[in-house]
């Protein structure tokens, strides 16, 4: 049961990271407002 919870948690975290990367790349800026290049 604990393994299932951890798996769901990790999977959700990975999806969250990917959605954040997609939004950062589409806006063309990093979290600090600096220009992102080479991604």
PDB file of N, CA and C in Angstrom:
ATOM      1  N   UNK A   1       0.839  -1.198   0.000  1.00  0.00           N
ATOM      2  CA  UNK A   1       0.000   0.000   0.000  1.00  0.00           C
ATOM      3  C   UNK A   1       0.877   1.252   0.000  1.00  0.00           C
ATOM      4  N   UNK A   2       1.938   1.212   0.797  1.00  0.00           N
ATOM      5  CA  UNK A   2       2.845   2.370   0.844  1.00  0.00           C
ATOM      6  C   UNK A   2       3.519   2.563  -0.505  1.00  0.00           C
ATOM      7  N   UNK A   3       3.876   1.461  -1.167  1.00  0.00           N
ATOM      8  CA  UNK A   3       4.525   1.560  -2.478  1.00  0.00           C
ATOM      9  C   UNK A   3       3.595   2.209  -3.485  1.00  0.00           C
ATOM     10  N   UNK A   4       2.327   1.866  -3.435  1.00  0.00           N
ATOM     11  CA  UNK A   4       1.360   2.450  -4.357  1.00  0.00           C
ATOM     12  C   UNK A   4       1.260   3.959  -4.135  1.00  0.00           C
ATOM     13  N   UNK A   5       1.219   4.374  -2.886  1.00  0.00           N
ATOM     14  CA  UNK A   5       1.152   5.793  -2.560  1.00  0.00           C
ATOM     15  C   UNK A   5       2.392   6.521  -3.061  1.00  0.00           C
ATOM     16  N   UNK A   6       3.567   5.931  -2.840  1.00  0.00           N
ATOM     17  CA  UNK A   6       4.810   6.554  -3.297  1.00  0.00           C
ATOM     18  C   UNK A   6       4.849   6.647  -4.817  1.00  0.00           C
ATOM     19  N   UNK A   7       4.378   5.620  -5.484  1.00  0.00           N
ATOM     20  CA  UNK A   7       4.370   5.622  -6.944  1.00  0.00           C
ATOM     21  C   UNK A   7       3.481   6.745  -7.479  1.00  0.00           C
ATOM     22  N   UNK A   8       2.301   6.889  -6.902  1.00  0.00           N
ATOM     23  CA  UNK A   8       1.383   7.953  -7.316  1.00  0.00           C
ATOM     24  C   UNK A   8       1.998   9.319  -7.026  1.00  0.00           C
ATOM     25  N   UNK A   9       2.640   9.452  -5.884  1.00  0.00           N
ATOM     26  CA  UNK A   9       3.264  10.720  -5.504  1.00  0.00           C
ATOM     27  C   UNK A   9       4.376  11.094  -6.482  1.00  0.00           C
ATOM     28  N   UNK A  10       5.222  10.143  -6.794  1.00  0.00           N
ATOM     29  CA  UNK A  10       6.329  10.410  -7.723  1.00  0.00           C
ATOM     30  C   UNK A  10       5.791  10.723  -9.114  1.00  0.00           C
ATOM     31  N   UNK A  11       4.794   9.973  -9.558  1.00  0.00           N
ATOM     32  CA  UNK A  11       4.218  10.194 -10.882  1.00  0.00           C
ATOM     33  C   UNK A  11       3.599  11.591 -10.974  1.00  0.00           C
ATOM     34  N   UNK A  12       2.889  11.994  -9.943  1.00  0.00           N
ATOM     35  CA  UNK A  12       2.293  13.321  -9.920  1.00  0.00           C
ATOM     36  C   UNK A  12       3.354  14.411  -9.911  1.00  0.00           C
ATOM     37  N   UNK A  13       4.433  14.179  -9.184  1.00  0.00           N
ATOM     38  CA  UNK A  13       5.524  15.156  -9.117  1.00  0.00           C
ATOM     39  C   UNK A  13       6.182  15.319 -10.476  1.00  0.00           C
ATOM     40  N   UNK A  14       6.406  14.205 -11.172  1.00  0.00           N
ATOM     41  CA  UNK A  14       7.013  14.260 -12.510  1.00  0.00           C
ATOM     42  C   UNK A  14       6.112  15.033 -13.469  1.00  0.00           C
ATOM     43  N   UNK A  15       4.825  14.768 -13.423  1.00  0.00           N
ATOM     44  CA  UNK A  15       3.901  15.485 -14.298  1.00  0.00           C
ATOM     45  C   UNK A  15       3.895  16.978 -13.974  1.00  0.00           C
ATOM     46  N   UNK A  16       3.970  17.318 -12.675  1.00  0.00           N
ATOM     47  CA  UNK A  16       3.985  18.716 -12.262  1.00  0.00           C
ATOM     48  C   UNK A  16       5.234  19.421 -12.776  1.00  0.00           C
ATOM     49  N   UNK A  17       6.375  18.742 -12.677  1.00  0.00           N
ATOM     50  CA  UNK A  17       7.638  19.303 -13.179  1.00  0.00           C
ATOM     51  C   UNK A  17       7.551  19.521 -14.690  1.00  0.00           C
ATOM     52  N   UNK A  18       7.002  18.549 -15.412  1.00  0.00           N
ATOM     53  CA  UNK A  18       6.902  18.682 -16.862  1.00  0.00           C
ATOM     54  C   UNK A  18       5.979  19.830 -17.243  1.00  0.00           C
ATOM     55  N   UNK A  19       4.885  20.014 -16.528  1.00  0.00           N
ATOM     56  CA  UNK A  19       3.976  21.110 -16.843  1.00  0.00           C
ATOM     57  C   UNK A  19       4.632  22.454 -16.536  1.00  0.00           C
ATOM     58  N   UNK A  20       5.435  22.513 -15.470  1.00  0.00           N
ATOM     59  CA  UNK A  20       6.159  23.744 -15.155  1.00  0.00           C
ATOM     60  C   UNK A  20       7.192  24.048 -16.225  1.00  0.00           C
ATOM     61  N   UNK A  21       7.915  23.028 -16.693  1.00  0.00           N
ATOM     62  CA  UNK A  21       8.906  23.232 -17.744  1.00  0.00           C
ATOM     63  C   UNK A  21       8.226  23.728 -19.015  1.00  0.00           C
ATOM     64  N   UNK A  22       7.076  23.157 -19.340  1.00  0.00           N
ATOM     65  CA  UNK A  22       6.364  23.557 -20.554  1.00  0.00           C
ATOM     66  C   UNK A  22       5.936  25.023 -20.464  1.00  0.00           C
ATOM     67  N   UNK A  23       5.462  25.446 -19.309  1.00  0.00           N
ATOM     68  CA  UNK A  23       5.026  26.831 -19.160  1.00  0.00           C
ATOM     69  C   UNK A  23       6.219  27.776 -19.193  1.00  0.00           C
ATOM     70  N   UNK A  24       7.345  27.360 -18.622  1.00  0.00           N
ATOM     71  CA  UNK A  24       8.545  28.200 -18.625  1.00  0.00           C
ATOM     72  C   UNK A  24       9.076  28.347 -20.043  1.00  0.00           C
ATOM     73  N   UNK A  25       9.114  27.246 -20.776  1.00  0.00           N
ATOM     74  CA  UNK A  25       9.650  27.296 -22.139  1.00  0.00           C
ATOM     75  C   UNK A  25       8.732  28.114 -23.043  1.00  0.00           C
ATOM     76  N   UNK A  26       7.417  27.961 -22.896  1.00  0.00           N
ATOM     77  CA  UNK A  26       6.494  28.672 -23.767  1.00  0.00           C
ATOM     78  C   UNK A  26       6.527  30.177 -23.509  1.00  0.00           C
ATOM     79  N   UNK A  27       6.771  30.568 -22.255  1.00  0.00           N
ATOM     80  CA  UNK A  27       6.837  31.991 -21.945  1.00  0.00           C
ATOM     81  C   UNK A  27       8.204  32.562 -22.298  1.00  0.00           C
ATOM     82  N   UNK A  28       9.224  31.696 -22.409  1.00  0.00           N
ATOM     83  CA  UNK A  28      10.554  32.148 -22.783  1.00  0.00           C
ATOM     84  C   UNK A  28      11.316  32.769 -21.634  1.00  0.00           C
ATOM     85  N   UNK A  29      10.836  32.588 -20.421  1.00  0.00           N
ATOM     86  CA  UNK A  29      11.518  33.161 -19.265  1.00  0.00           C
ATOM     87  C   UNK A  29      11.636  32.128 -18.163  1.00  0.00           C
ATOM     88  N   UNK A  30      12.653  32.285 -17.327  1.00  0.00           N
ATOM     89  CA  UNK A  30      12.829  31.384 -16.200  1.00  0.00           C
ATOM     90  C   UNK A  30      12.038  31.910 -15.005  1.00  0.00           C
ATOM     91  N   UNK A  31      12.135  31.214 -13.882  1.00  0.00           N
ATOM     92  CA  UNK A  31      11.421  31.627 -12.682  1.00  0.00           C
ATOM     93  C   UNK A  31      11.857  33.018 -12.208  1.00  0.00           C
ATOM     94  N   UNK A  32      13.125  33.341 -12.420  1.00  0.00           N
ATOM     95  CA  UNK A  32      13.649  34.624 -11.950  1.00  0.00           C
ATOM     96  C   UNK A  32      13.378  35.760 -12.940  1.00  0.00           C
ATOM     97  N   UNK A  33      12.756  35.425 -14.061  1.00  0.00           N
ATOM     98  CA  UNK A  33      12.471  36.445 -15.063  1.00  0.00           C
ATOM     99  C   UNK A  33      13.606  36.653 -16.038  1.00  0.00           C
ATOM    100  N   UNK A  34      14.616  35.781 -15.953  1.00  0.00           N
ATOM    101  CA  UNK A  34      15.734  35.885 -16.883  1.00  0.00           C
ATOM    102  C   UNK A  34      15.391  35.169 -18.184  1.00  0.00           C
ATOM    103  N   UNK A  35      16.070  35.550 -19.225  1.00  0.00           N
ATOM    104  CA  UNK A  35      15.820  34.924 -20.528  1.00  0.00           C
ATOM    105  C   UNK A  35      16.380  33.498 -20.537  1.00  0.00           C
ATOM    106  N   UNK A  36      15.593  32.550 -21.018  1.00  0.00           N
ATOM    107  CA  UNK A  36      16.034  31.159 -21.066  1.00  0.00           C
ATOM    108  C   UNK A  36      16.428  30.825 -22.492  1.00  0.00           C
ATOM    109  N   UNK A  37      17.638  30.299 -22.663  1.00  0.00           N
ATOM    110  CA  UNK A  37      18.103  29.902 -23.985  1.00  0.00           C
ATOM    111  C   UNK A  37      18.728  28.514 -23.924  1.00  0.00           C
ATOM    112  N   UNK A  38      18.652  27.817 -25.017  1.00  0.00           N
ATOM    113  CA  UNK A  38      19.282  26.506 -25.096  1.00  0.00           C
ATOM    114  C   UNK A  38      18.445  25.377 -24.543  1.00  0.00           C
ATOM    115  N   UNK A  39      17.156  25.612 -24.356  1.00  0.00           N
ATOM    116  CA  UNK A  39      16.291  24.540 -23.842  1.00  0.00           C
ATOM    117  C   UNK A  39      15.392  24.063 -24.985  1.00  0.00           C
TER     118      UNK A  39
END
